[in-house]
Amino acid sequence: MTETYYTHGSPAERWDRAGLFFDAKDYITAAHILEGLVDEVPEQVAPRLLLARAYYHSAQLWRAETELRAVLERDPVESYAQLMLGRTLQRQGRAEEATRYLRIAAAMTGEADSI
């Protein structure tokens, strides 16, 4: 696939296409599409969060961490981003740092007793 494919169509069409690739577990193609979309609409949290998930599932953990931190800068009460950041840090062997984000996510979702 060429770069033209990743940028073809309106933002809504690219969002839909990225979702299809993500659902099909083609996380790298989804990430390529979402990268351009995030650059185009950096203020929107949903494309950035899906991009972070695509990076996470394709083991691009430092990229996932970067996007998740950007999501939390824009929306600190995004509990799923808190959870994902904690899990991303765990996968990088940074369990102590991850604990903070996992606790915040659990408190936000009412699952604090499970930690």
PDB file of N, CA and C in Angstrom:
ATOM      1  N   MET A   1       0.841  -1.175   0.000  1.00  0.00           N
ATOM      2  CA  MET A   1       0.000   0.000   0.000  1.00  0.00           C
ATOM      3  C   MET A   1       0.883   1.234   0.000  1.00  0.00           C
ATOM      4  N   THR A   2       0.458   2.180  -0.719  1.00  0.00           N
ATOM      5  CA  THR A   2       1.251   3.401  -0.797  1.00  0.00           C
ATOM      6  C   THR A   2       0.737   4.423   0.207  1.00  0.00           C
ATOM      7  N   GLU A   3       1.522   5.435   0.394  1.00  0.00           N
ATOM      8  CA  GLU A   3       1.151   6.522   1.299  1.00  0.00           C
ATOM      9  C   GLU A   3      -0.165   7.165   0.859  1.00  0.00           C
ATOM     10  N   THR A   4      -0.427   7.179  -0.444  1.00  0.00           N
ATOM     11  CA  THR A   4      -1.667   7.748  -0.960  1.00  0.00           C
ATOM     12  C   THR A   4      -2.877   7.026  -0.382  1.00  0.00           C
ATOM     13  N   TYR A   5      -2.785   5.728  -0.224  1.00  0.00           N
ATOM     14  CA  TYR A   5      -3.902   4.966   0.331  1.00  0.00           C
ATOM     15  C   TYR A   5      -4.201   5.394   1.766  1.00  0.00           C
ATOM     16  N   TYR A   6      -3.168   5.622   2.526  1.00  0.00           N
ATOM     17  CA  TYR A   6      -3.344   5.992   3.933  1.00  0.00           C
ATOM     18  C   TYR A   6      -3.997   7.365   4.091  1.00  0.00           C
ATOM     19  N   THR A   7      -3.798   8.231   3.120  1.00  0.00           N
ATOM     20  CA  THR A   7      -4.330   9.593   3.229  1.00  0.00           C
ATOM     21  C   THR A   7      -5.555   9.827   2.357  1.00  0.00           C
ATOM     22  N   HIS A   8      -5.998   8.809   1.637  1.00  0.00           N
ATOM     23  CA  HIS A   8      -7.129   8.954   0.716  1.00  0.00           C
ATOM     24  C   HIS A   8      -8.444   9.103   1.481  1.00  0.00           C
ATOM     25  N   GLY A   9      -9.258  10.048   1.027  1.00  0.00           N
ATOM     26  CA  GLY A   9     -10.601  10.212   1.569  1.00  0.00           C
ATOM     27  C   GLY A   9     -10.685  11.275   2.642  1.00  0.00           C
ATOM     28  N   SER A  10     -11.903  11.504   3.070  1.00  0.00           N
ATOM     29  CA  SER A  10     -12.160  12.495   4.115  1.00  0.00           C
ATOM     30  C   SER A  10     -11.702  11.941   5.471  1.00  0.00           C
ATOM     31  N   PRO A  11     -11.582  12.805   6.460  1.00  0.00           N
ATOM     32  CA  PRO A  11     -11.236  12.311   7.802  1.00  0.00           C
ATOM     33  C   PRO A  11     -12.200  11.229   8.292  1.00  0.00           C
ATOM     34  N   ALA A  12     -13.478  11.396   8.028  1.00  0.00           N
ATOM     35  CA  ALA A  12     -14.468  10.399   8.471  1.00  0.00           C
ATOM     36  C   ALA A  12     -14.255   9.069   7.760  1.00  0.00           C
ATOM     37  N   GLU A  13     -13.952   9.121   6.456  1.00  0.00           N
ATOM     38  CA  GLU A  13     -13.696   7.884   5.708  1.00  0.00           C
ATOM     39  C   GLU A  13     -12.424   7.193   6.214  1.00  0.00           C
ATOM     40  N   ARG A  14     -11.389   7.974   6.500  1.00  0.00           N
ATOM     41  CA  ARG A  14     -10.145   7.385   7.014  1.00  0.00           C
ATOM     42  C   ARG A  14     -10.354   6.810   8.410  1.00  0.00           C
ATOM     43  N   TRP A  15     -11.161   7.477   9.231  1.00  0.00           N
ATOM     44  CA  TRP A  15     -11.479   6.958  10.571  1.00  0.00           C
ATOM     45  C   TRP A  15     -12.170   5.597  10.449  1.00  0.00           C
ATOM     46  N   ASP A  16     -13.159   5.525   9.556  1.00  0.00           N
ATOM     47  CA  ASP A  16     -13.867   4.257   9.336  1.00  0.00           C
ATOM     48  C   ASP A  16     -12.920   3.180   8.830  1.00  0.00           C
ATOM     49  N   ARG A  17     -12.062   3.532   7.870  1.00  0.00           N
ATOM     50  CA  ARG A  17     -11.127   2.564   7.295  1.00  0.00           C
ATOM     51  C   ARG A  17     -10.131   2.088   8.359  1.00  0.00           C
ATOM     52  N   ALA A  18      -9.634   3.000   9.171  1.00  0.00           N
ATOM     53  CA  ALA A  18      -8.703   2.614  10.246  1.00  0.00           C
ATOM     54  C   ALA A  18      -9.383   1.653  11.216  1.00  0.00           C
ATOM     55  N   GLY A  19     -10.652   1.921  11.520  1.00  0.00           N
ATOM     56  CA  GLY A  19     -11.396   1.028  12.408  1.00  0.00           C
ATOM     57  C   GLY A  19     -11.552  -0.363  11.825  1.00  0.00           C
ATOM     58  N   LEU A  20     -11.769  -0.436  10.527  1.00  0.00           N
ATOM     59  CA  LEU A  20     -11.887  -1.748   9.871  1.00  0.00           C
ATOM     60  C   LEU A  20     -10.577  -2.531   9.967  1.00  0.00           C
ATOM     61  N   PHE A  21      -9.464  -1.844   9.706  1.00  0.00           N
ATOM     62  CA  PHE A  21      -8.170  -2.521   9.808  1.00  0.00           C
ATOM     63  C   PHE A  21      -7.878  -2.916  11.250  1.00  0.00           C
ATOM     64  N   PHE A  22      -8.213  -2.050  12.189  1.00  0.00           N
ATOM     65  CA  PHE A  22      -7.994  -2.369  13.604  1.00  0.00           C
ATOM     66  C   PHE A  22      -8.815  -3.600  13.992  1.00  0.00           C
ATOM     67  N   ASP A  23     -10.088  -3.611  13.611  1.00  0.00           N
ATOM     68  CA  ASP A  23     -10.957  -4.750  13.931  1.00  0.00           C
ATOM     69  C   ASP A  23     -10.463  -6.056  13.290  1.00  0.00           C
ATOM     70  N   ALA A  24      -9.803  -5.918  12.134  1.00  0.00           N
ATOM     71  CA  ALA A  24      -9.251  -7.088  11.454  1.00  0.00           C
ATOM     72  C   ALA A  24      -7.873  -7.466  12.013  1.00  0.00           C
ATOM     73  N   LYS A  25      -7.448  -6.767  13.056  1.00  0.00           N
ATOM     74  CA  LYS A  25      -6.152  -7.007  13.718  1.00  0.00           C
ATOM     75  C   LYS A  25      -4.958  -6.693  12.832  1.00  0.00           C
ATOM     76  N   ASP A  26      -5.173  -5.823  11.851  1.00  0.00           N
ATOM     77  CA  ASP A  26      -4.070  -5.306  11.036  1.00  0.00           C
ATOM     78  C   ASP A  26      -3.686  -3.956  11.644  1.00  0.00           C
ATOM     79  N   TYR A  27      -3.015  -4.039  12.778  1.00  0.00           N
ATOM     80  CA  TYR A  27      -2.738  -2.860  13.589  1.00  0.00           C
ATOM     81  C   TYR A  27      -1.754  -1.897  12.927  1.00  0.00           C
ATOM     82  N   ILE A  28      -0.839  -2.432  12.154  1.00  0.00           N
ATOM     83  CA  ILE A  28       0.151  -1.556  11.522  1.00  0.00           C
ATOM     84  C   ILE A  28      -0.503  -0.692  10.443  1.00  0.00           C
ATOM     85  N   THR A  29      -1.364  -1.285   9.628  1.00  0.00           N
ATOM     86  CA  THR A  29      -2.068  -0.489   8.613  1.00  0.00           C
ATOM     87  C   THR A  29      -2.989   0.517   9.283  1.00  0.00           C
ATOM     88  N   ALA A  30      -3.684   0.096  10.331  1.00  0.00           N
ATOM     89  CA  ALA A  30      -4.543   1.030  11.067  1.00  0.00           C
ATOM     90  C   ALA A  30      -3.717   2.201  11.590  1.00  0.00           C
ATOM     91  N   ALA A  31      -2.534   1.909  12.122  1.00  0.00           N
ATOM     92  CA  ALA A  31      -1.672   2.972  12.659  1.00  0.00           C
ATOM     93  C   ALA A  31      -1.250   3.940  11.557  1.00  0.00           C
ATOM     94  N   HIS A  32      -0.904   3.412  10.379  1.00  0.00           N
ATOM     95  CA  HIS A  32      -0.501   4.293   9.270  1.00  0.00           C
ATOM     96  C   HIS A  32      -1.626   5.261   8.911  1.00  0.00           C
ATOM     97  N   ILE A  33      -2.825   4.770   8.866  1.00  0.00           N
ATOM     98  CA  ILE A  33      -3.967   5.626   8.537  1.00  0.00           C
ATOM     99  C   ILE A  33      -4.199   6.639   9.648  1.00  0.00           C
ATOM    100  N   LEU A  34      -4.140   6.174  10.879  1.00  0.00           N
ATOM    101  CA  LEU A  34      -4.426   7.045  12.021  1.00  0.00           C
ATOM    102  C   LEU A  34      -3.357   8.105  12.242  1.00  0.00           C
ATOM    103  N   GLU A  35      -2.111   7.824  11.891  1.00  0.00           N
ATOM    104  CA  GLU A  35      -1.049   8.813  12.072  1.00  0.00           C
ATOM    105  C   GLU A  35      -1.375  10.111  11.337  1.00  0.00           C
ATOM    106  N   GLY A  36      -1.804   9.992  10.094  1.00  0.00           N
ATOM    107  CA  GLY A  36      -2.171  11.177   9.328  1.00  0.00           C
ATOM    108  C   GLY A  36      -3.393  11.864   9.896  1.00  0.00           C
ATOM    109  N   LEU A  37      -4.340  11.082  10.343  1.00  0.00           N
ATOM    110  CA  LEU A  37      -5.560  11.633  10.914  1.00  0.00           C
ATOM    111  C   LEU A  37      -5.259  12.405  12.207  1.00  0.00           C
ATOM    112  N   VAL A  38      -4.395  11.855  13.037  1.00  0.00           N
ATOM    113  CA  VAL A  38      -4.014  12.530  14.286  1.00  0.00           C
ATOM    114  C   VAL A  38      -3.279  13.834  13.979  1.00  0.00           C
ATOM    115  N   ASP A  39      -2.420  13.814  12.962  1.00  0.00           N
ATOM    116  CA  ASP A  39      -1.731  15.053  12.568  1.00  0.00           C
ATOM    117  C   ASP A  39      -2.719  16.113  12.099  1.00  0.00           C
ATOM    118  N   GLU A  40      -3.764  15.662  11.436  1.00  0.00           N
ATOM    119  CA  GLU A  40      -4.758  16.575  10.872  1.00  0.00           C
ATOM    120  C   GLU A  40      -5.707  17.142  11.936  1.00  0.00           C
ATOM    121  N   VAL A  41      -6.072  16.324  12.920  1.00  0.00           N
ATOM    122  CA  VAL A  41      -7.007  16.748  13.975  1.00  0.00           C
ATOM    123  C   VAL A  41      -6.413  16.415  15.353  1.00  0.00           C
ATOM    124  N   PRO A  42      -5.318  17.074  15.723  1.00  0.00           N
ATOM    125  CA  PRO A  42      -4.620  16.718  16.971  1.00  0.00           C
ATOM    126  C   PRO A  42      -5.438  16.958  18.232  1.00  0.00           C
ATOM    127  N   GLU A  43      -6.453  17.781  18.141  1.00  0.00           N
ATOM    128  CA  GLU A  43      -7.265  18.081  19.327  1.00  0.00           C
ATOM    129  C   GLU A  43      -8.264  16.969  19.662  1.00  0.00           C
ATOM    130  N   GLN A  44      -8.518  16.068  18.726  1.00  0.00           N
ATOM    131  CA  GLN A  44      -9.474  14.992  18.956  1.00  0.00           C
ATOM    132  C   GLN A  44      -8.798  13.822  19.670  1.00  0.00           C
ATOM    133  N   VAL A  45      -9.437  13.341  20.707  1.00  0.00           N
ATOM    134  CA  VAL A  45      -8.868  12.284  21.534  1.00  0.00           C
ATOM    135  C   VAL A  45      -9.081  10.894  20.927  1.00  0.00           C
ATOM    136  N   ALA A  46     -10.230  10.639  20.336  1.00  0.00           N
ATOM    137  CA  ALA A  46     -10.556   9.287  19.851  1.00  0.00           C
ATOM    138  C   ALA A  46      -9.554   8.742  18.834  1.00  0.00           C
ATOM    139  N   PRO A  47      -9.170   9.501  17.796  1.00  0.00           N
ATOM    140  CA  PRO A  47      -8.186   8.949  16.861  1.00  0.00           C
ATOM    141  C   PRO A  47      -6.837   8.676  17.527  1.00  0.00           C
ATOM    142  N   ARG A  48      -6.439   9.545  18.442  1.00  0.00           N
ATOM    143  CA  ARG A  48      -5.162   9.368  19.138  1.00  0.00           C
ATOM    144  C   ARG A  48      -5.208   8.135  20.042  1.00  0.00           C
ATOM    145  N   LEU A  49      -6.345   7.916  20.692  1.00  0.00           N
ATOM    146  CA  LEU A  49      -6.478   6.743  21.559  1.00  0.00           C
ATOM    147  C   LEU A  49      -6.459   5.450  20.739  1.00  0.00           C
ATOM    148  N   LEU A  50      -7.139   5.455  19.597  1.00  0.00           N
ATOM    149  CA  LEU A  50      -7.102   4.265  18.739  1.00  0.00           C
ATOM    150  C   LEU A  50      -5.694   4.052  18.176  1.00  0.00           C
ATOM    151  N   LEU A  51      -4.996   5.133  17.860  1.00  0.00           N
ATOM    152  CA  LEU A  51      -3.612   5.019  17.404  1.00  0.00           C
ATOM    153  C   LEU A  51      -2.749   4.396  18.499  1.00  0.00           C
ATOM    154  N   ALA A  52      -2.926   4.836  19.729  1.00  0.00           N
ATOM    155  CA  ALA A  52      -2.175   4.256  20.850  1.00  0.00           C
ATOM    156  C   ALA A  52      -2.469   2.765  20.982  1.00  0.00           C
ATOM    157  N   ARG A  53      -3.728   2.395  20.815  1.00  0.00           N
ATOM    158  CA  ARG A  53      -4.095   0.975  20.890  1.00  0.00           C
ATOM    159  C   ARG A  53      -3.446   0.178  19.764  1.00  0.00           C
ATOM    160  N   ALA A  54      -3.416   0.756  18.557  1.00  0.00           N
ATOM    161  CA  ALA A  54      -2.778   0.075  17.426  1.00  0.00           C
ATOM    162  C   ALA A  54      -1.285  -0.109  17.694  1.00  0.00           C
ATOM    163  N   TYR A  55      -0.648   0.909  18.225  1.00  0.00           N
ATOM    164  CA  TYR A  55       0.768   0.790  18.582  1.00  0.00           C
ATOM    165  C   TYR A  55       0.959  -0.272  19.660  1.00  0.00           C
ATOM    166  N   TYR A  56       0.119  -0.262  20.663  1.00  0.00           N
ATOM    167  CA  TYR A  56       0.228  -1.234  21.759  1.00  0.00           C
ATOM    168  C   TYR A  56       0.137  -2.664  21.215  1.00  0.00           C
ATOM    169  N   HIS A  57      -0.868  -2.907  20.390  1.00  0.00           N
ATOM    170  CA  HIS A  57      -1.087  -4.258  19.866  1.00  0.00           C
ATOM    171  C   HIS A  57      -0.022  -4.689  18.857  1.00  0.00           C
ATOM    172  N   SER A  58       0.686  -3.730  18.280  1.00  0.00           N
ATOM    173  CA  SER A  58       1.768  -4.081  17.358  1.00  0.00           C
ATOM    174  C   SER A  58       3.133  -3.966  18.045  1.00  0.00           C
ATOM    175  N   ALA A  59       3.117  -3.909  19.376  1.00  0.00           N
ATOM    176  CA  ALA A  59       4.331  -3.900  20.210  1.00  0.00           C
ATOM    177  C   ALA A  59       5.237  -2.700  19.962  1.00  0.00           C
ATOM    178  N   GLN A  60       4.650  -1.607  19.535  1.00  0.00           N
ATOM    179  CA  GLN A  60       5.385  -0.347  19.415  1.00  0.00           C
ATOM    180  C   GLN A  60       5.111   0.447  20.698  1.00  0.00           C
ATOM    181  N   LEU A  61       5.659  -0.056  21.791  1.00  0.00           N
ATOM    182  CA  LEU A  61       5.254   0.415  23.110  1.00  0.00           C
ATOM    183  C   LEU A  61       5.663   1.846  23.399  1.00  0.00           C
ATOM    184  N   TRP A  62       6.822   2.264  22.946  1.00  0.00           N
ATOM    185  CA  TRP A  62       7.222   3.649  23.213  1.00  0.00           C
ATOM    186  C   TRP A  62       6.316   4.618  22.461  1.00  0.00           C
ATOM    187  N   ARG A  63       5.872   4.233  21.277  1.00  0.00           N
ATOM    188  CA  ARG A  63       4.926   5.081  20.537  1.00  0.00           C
ATOM    189  C   ARG A  63       3.566   5.095  21.226  1.00  0.00           C
ATOM    190  N   ALA A  64       3.134   3.940  21.718  1.00  0.00           N
ATOM    191  CA  ALA A  64       1.866   3.877  22.455  1.00  0.00           C
ATOM    192  C   ALA A  64       1.942   4.778  23.679  1.00  0.00           C
ATOM    193  N   GLU A  65       3.044   4.705  24.397  1.00  0.00           N
ATOM    194  CA  GLU A  65       3.210   5.548  25.590  1.00  0.00           C
ATOM    195  C   GLU A  65       3.127   7.028  25.235  1.00  0.00           C
ATOM    196  N   THR A  66       3.784   7.423  24.170  1.00  0.00           N
ATOM    197  CA  THR A  66       3.763   8.827  23.745  1.00  0.00           C
ATOM    198  C   THR A  66       2.347   9.290  23.443  1.00  0.00           C
ATOM    199  N   GLU A  67       1.596   8.480  22.705  1.00  0.00           N
ATOM    200  CA  GLU A  67       0.223   8.863  22.354  1.00  0.00           C
ATOM    201  C   GLU A  67      -0.678   8.874  23.588  1.00  0.00           C
ATOM    202  N   LEU A  68      -0.499   7.920  24.473  1.00  0.00           N
ATOM    203  CA  LEU A  68      -1.337   7.878  25.678  1.00  0.00           C
ATOM    204  C   LEU A  68      -1.074   9.077  26.572  1.00  0.00           C
ATOM    205  N   ARG A  69       0.166   9.483  26.676  1.00  0.00           N
ATOM    206  CA  ARG A  69       0.479  10.688  27.462  1.00  0.00           C
ATOM    207  C   ARG A  69      -0.144  11.922  26.823  1.00  0.00           C
ATOM    208  N   ALA A  70      -0.162  11.967  25.493  1.00  0.00           N
ATOM    209  CA  ALA A  70      -0.806  13.084  24.790  1.00  0.00           C
ATOM    210  C   ALA A  70      -2.315  13.078  25.024  1.00  0.00           C
ATOM    211  N   VAL A  71      -2.916  11.893  25.035  1.00  0.00           N
ATOM    212  CA  VAL A  71      -4.352  11.791  25.328  1.00  0.00           C
ATOM    213  C   VAL A  71      -4.628  12.328  26.727  1.00  0.00           C
ATOM    214  N   LEU A  72      -3.815  11.915  27.688  1.00  0.00           N
ATOM    215  CA  LEU A  72      -4.050  12.324  29.078  1.00  0.00           C
ATOM    216  C   LEU A  72      -3.777  13.800  29.299  1.00  0.00           C
ATOM    217  N   GLU A  73      -2.917  14.407  28.477  1.00  0.00           N
ATOM    218  CA  GLU A  73      -2.739  15.865  28.542  1.00  0.00           C
ATOM    219  C   GLU A  73      -4.025  16.567  28.128  1.00  0.00           C
ATOM    220  N   ARG A  74      -4.692  16.032  27.126  1.00  0.00           N
ATOM    221  CA  ARG A  74      -5.912  16.643  26.611  1.00  0.00           C
ATOM    222  C   ARG A  74      -7.133  16.284  27.460  1.00  0.00           C
ATOM    223  N   ASP A  75      -7.132  15.069  28.002  1.00  0.00           N
ATOM    224  CA  ASP A  75      -8.295  14.573  28.747  1.00  0.00           C
ATOM    225  C   ASP A  75      -7.828  13.714  29.923  1.00  0.00           C
ATOM    226  N   PRO A  76      -7.456  14.355  31.041  1.00  0.00           N
ATOM    227  CA  PRO A  76      -6.906  13.614  32.173  1.00  0.00           C
ATOM    228  C   PRO A  76      -7.872  12.625  32.820  1.00  0.00           C
ATOM    229  N   VAL A  77      -9.160  12.735  32.542  1.00  0.00           N
ATOM    230  CA  VAL A  77     -10.130  11.811  33.140  1.00  0.00           C
ATOM    231  C   VAL A  77     -10.509  10.671  32.183  1.00  0.00           C
ATOM    232  N   GLU A  78      -9.711  10.464  31.160  1.00  0.00           N
ATOM    233  CA  GLU A  78      -9.929   9.354  30.231  1.00  0.00           C
ATOM    234  C   GLU A  78      -9.398   8.091  30.907  1.00  0.00           C
ATOM    235  N   SER A  79     -10.294   7.356  31.554  1.00  0.00           N
ATOM    236  CA  SER A  79      -9.886   6.211  32.367  1.00  0.00           C
ATOM    237  C   SER A  79      -9.238   5.098  31.543  1.00  0.00           C
ATOM    238  N   TYR A  80      -9.708   4.897  30.321  1.00  0.00           N
ATOM    239  CA  TYR A  80      -9.113   3.842  29.494  1.00  0.00           C
ATOM    240  C   TYR A  80      -7.666   4.180  29.140  1.00  0.00           C
ATOM    241  N   ALA A  81      -7.387   5.457  28.892  1.00  0.00           N
ATOM    242  CA  ALA A  81      -6.007   5.869  28.618  1.00  0.00           C
ATOM    243  C   ALA A  81      -5.134   5.653  29.844  1.00  0.00           C
ATOM    244  N   GLN A  82      -5.677   5.906  31.034  1.00  0.00           N
ATOM    245  CA  GLN A  82      -4.932   5.653  32.276  1.00  0.00           C
ATOM    246  C   GLN A  82      -4.585   4.165  32.369  1.00  0.00           C
ATOM    247  N   LEU A  83      -5.577   3.315  32.123  1.00  0.00           N
ATOM    248  CA  LEU A  83      -5.376   1.872  32.179  1.00  0.00           C
ATOM    249  C   LEU A  83      -4.352   1.415  31.140  1.00  0.00           C
ATOM    250  N   MET A  84      -4.520   1.880  29.910  1.00  0.00           N
ATOM    251  CA  MET A  84      -3.605   1.486  28.842  1.00  0.00           C
ATOM    252  C   MET A  84      -2.182   1.944  29.107  1.00  0.00           C
ATOM    253  N   LEU A  85      -2.035   3.159  29.641  1.00  0.00           N
ATOM    254  CA  LEU A  85      -0.692   3.638  29.941  1.00  0.00           C
ATOM    255  C   LEU A  85      -0.055   2.752  31.003  1.00  0.00           C
ATOM    256  N   GLY A  86      -0.822   2.383  32.014  1.00  0.00           N
ATOM    257  CA  GLY A  86      -0.308   1.477  33.031  1.00  0.00           C
ATOM    258  C   GLY A  86       0.124   0.149  32.436  1.00  0.00           C
ATOM    259  N   ARG A  87      -0.685  -0.404  31.580  1.00  0.00           N
ATOM    260  CA  ARG A  87      -0.342  -1.701  30.959  1.00  0.00           C
ATOM    261  C   ARG A  87       0.846  -1.575  29.999  1.00  0.00           C
ATOM    262  N   THR A  88       0.910  -0.454  29.308  1.00  0.00           N
ATOM    263  CA  THR A  88       2.037  -0.218  28.404  1.00  0.00           C
ATOM    264  C   THR A  88       3.336  -0.142  29.191  1.00  0.00           C
ATOM    265  N   LEU A  89       3.300   0.562  30.308  1.00  0.00           N
ATOM    266  CA  LEU A  89       4.486   0.665  31.158  1.00  0.00           C
ATOM    267  C   LEU A  89       4.860  -0.700  31.736  1.00  0.00           C
ATOM    268  N   GLN A  90       3.863  -1.487  32.114  1.00  0.00           N
ATOM    269  CA  GLN A  90       4.136  -2.841  32.604  1.00  0.00           C
ATOM    270  C   GLN A  90       4.860  -3.668  31.545  1.00  0.00           C
ATOM    271  N   ARG A  91       4.370  -3.617  30.315  1.00  0.00           N
ATOM    272  CA  ARG A  91       4.984  -4.400  29.235  1.00  0.00           C
ATOM    273  C   ARG A  91       6.412  -3.952  28.945  1.00  0.00           C
ATOM    274  N   GLN A  92       6.730  -2.717  29.314  1.00  0.00           N
ATOM    275  CA  GLN A  92       8.091  -2.212  29.135  1.00  0.00           C
ATOM    276  C   GLN A  92       8.967  -2.525  30.351  1.00  0.00           C
ATOM    277  N   GLY A  93       8.416  -3.245  31.324  1.00  0.00           N
ATOM    278  CA  GLY A  93       9.178  -3.592  32.516  1.00  0.00           C
ATOM    279  C   GLY A  93       9.260  -2.466  33.531  1.00  0.00           C
ATOM    280  N   ARG A  94       8.321  -1.542  33.471  1.00  0.00           N
ATOM    281  CA  ARG A  94       8.312  -0.385  34.361  1.00  0.00           C
ATOM    282  C   ARG A  94       7.115  -0.479  35.310  1.00  0.00           C
ATOM    283  N   ALA A  95       7.051  -1.597  36.034  1.00  0.00           N
ATOM    284  CA  ALA A  95       5.902  -1.922  36.882  1.00  0.00           C
ATOM    285  C   ALA A  95       5.659  -0.874  37.967  1.00  0.00           C
ATOM    286  N   GLU A  96       6.704  -0.385  38.570  1.00  0.00           N
ATOM    287  CA  GLU A  96       6.522   0.598  39.641  1.00  0.00           C
ATOM    288  C   GLU A  96       5.857   1.867  39.115  1.00  0.00           C
ATOM    289  N   GLU A  97       6.299   2.340  37.963  1.00  0.00           N
ATOM    290  CA  GLU A  97       5.702   3.527  37.348  1.00  0.00           C
ATOM    291  C   GLU A  97       4.268   3.239  36.894  1.00  0.00           C
ATOM    292  N   ALA A  98       4.010   2.016  36.458  1.00  0.00           N
ATOM    293  CA  ALA A  98       2.688   1.632  35.967  1.00  0.00           C
ATOM    294  C   ALA A  98       1.641   1.653  37.064  1.00  0.00           C
ATOM    295  N   THR A  99       2.042   1.334  38.280  1.00  0.00           N
ATOM    296  CA  THR A  99       1.095   1.225  39.395  1.00  0.00           C
ATOM    297  C   THR A  99       0.256   2.474  39.565  1.00  0.00           C
ATOM    298  N   ARG A 100       0.862   3.628  39.442  1.00  0.00           N
ATOM    299  CA  ARG A 100       0.131   4.901  39.592  1.00  0.00           C
ATOM    300  C   ARG A 100      -1.043   4.985  38.617  1.00  0.00           C
ATOM    301  N   TYR A 101      -0.787   4.684  37.361  1.00  0.00           N
ATOM    302  CA  TYR A 101      -1.827   4.807  36.337  1.00  0.00           C
ATOM    303  C   TYR A 101      -2.900   3.728  36.490  1.00  0.00           C
ATOM    304  N   LEU A 102      -2.495   2.547  36.880  1.00  0.00           N
ATOM    305  CA  LEU A 102      -3.464   1.474  37.096  1.00  0.00           C
ATOM    306  C   LEU A 102      -4.375   1.798  38.278  1.00  0.00           C
ATOM    307  N   ARG A 103      -3.833   2.377  39.318  1.00  0.00           N
ATOM    308  CA  ARG A 103      -4.647   2.768  40.472  1.00  0.00           C
ATOM    309  C   ARG A 103      -5.619   3.881  40.115  1.00  0.00           C
ATOM    310  N   ILE A 104      -5.150   4.851  39.362  1.00  0.00           N
ATOM    311  CA  ILE A 104      -6.035   5.945  38.933  1.00  0.00           C
ATOM    312  C   ILE A 104      -7.178   5.380  38.094  1.00  0.00           C
ATOM    313  N   ALA A 105      -6.858   4.507  37.148  1.00  0.00           N
ATOM    314  CA  ALA A 105      -7.894   3.909  36.300  1.00  0.00           C
ATOM    315  C   ALA A 105      -8.889   3.123  37.134  1.00  0.00           C
ATOM    316  N   ALA A 106      -8.396   2.356  38.088  1.00  0.00           N
ATOM    317  CA  ALA A 106      -9.290   1.558  38.943  1.00  0.00           C
ATOM    318  C   ALA A 106     -10.184   2.466  39.776  1.00  0.00           C
ATOM    319  N   ALA A 107      -9.643   3.545  40.301  1.00  0.00           N
ATOM    320  CA  ALA A 107     -10.449   4.472  41.093  1.00  0.00           C
ATOM    321  C   ALA A 107     -11.515   5.147  40.219  1.00  0.00           C
ATOM    322  N   MET A 108     -11.167   5.463  39.003  1.00  0.00           N
ATOM    323  CA  MET A 108     -12.107   6.137  38.099  1.00  0.00           C
ATOM    324  C   MET A 108     -13.253   5.225  37.683  1.00  0.00           C
ATOM    325  N   THR A 109     -12.987   3.934  37.600  1.00  0.00           N
ATOM    326  CA  THR A 109     -14.008   2.996  37.133  1.00  0.00           C
ATOM    327  C   THR A 109     -14.700   2.259  38.274  1.00  0.00           C
ATOM    328  N   GLY A 110     -14.303   2.582  39.497  1.00  0.00           N
ATOM    329  CA  GLY A 110     -14.919   1.928  40.657  1.00  0.00           C
ATOM    330  C   GLY A 110     -14.389   0.554  40.941  1.00  0.00           C
ATOM    331  N   GLU A 111     -13.242   0.227  40.409  1.00  0.00           N
ATOM    332  CA  GLU A 111     -12.650  -1.092  40.614  1.00  0.00           C
ATOM    333  C   GLU A 111     -11.450  -1.019  41.543  1.00  0.00           C
ATOM    334  N   ALA A 112     -11.388  -0.001  42.400  1.00  0.00           N
ATOM    335  CA  ALA A 112     -10.223   0.199  43.261  1.00  0.00           C
ATOM    336  C   ALA A 112      -9.991  -0.978  44.202  1.00  0.00           C
ATOM    337  N   ASP A 113     -11.027  -1.706  44.549  1.00  0.00           N
ATOM    338  CA  ASP A 113     -10.867  -2.854  45.436  1.00  0.00           C
ATOM    339  C   ASP A 113     -10.115  -4.004  44.775  1.00  0.00           C
ATOM    340  N   SER A 114     -10.041  -4.005  43.450  1.00  0.00           N
ATOM    341  CA  SER A 114      -9.402  -5.110  42.742  1.00  0.00           C
ATOM    342  C   SER A 114      -7.886  -4.968  42.677  1.00  0.00           C
ATOM    343  N   ILE A 115      -7.353  -3.836  43.119  1.00  0.00           N
ATOM    344  CA  ILE A 115      -5.893  -3.647  43.075  1.00  0.00           C
ATOM    345  C   ILE A 115      -5.267  -4.070  44.359  1.00  0.00           C
TER     346      ILE A 115
END
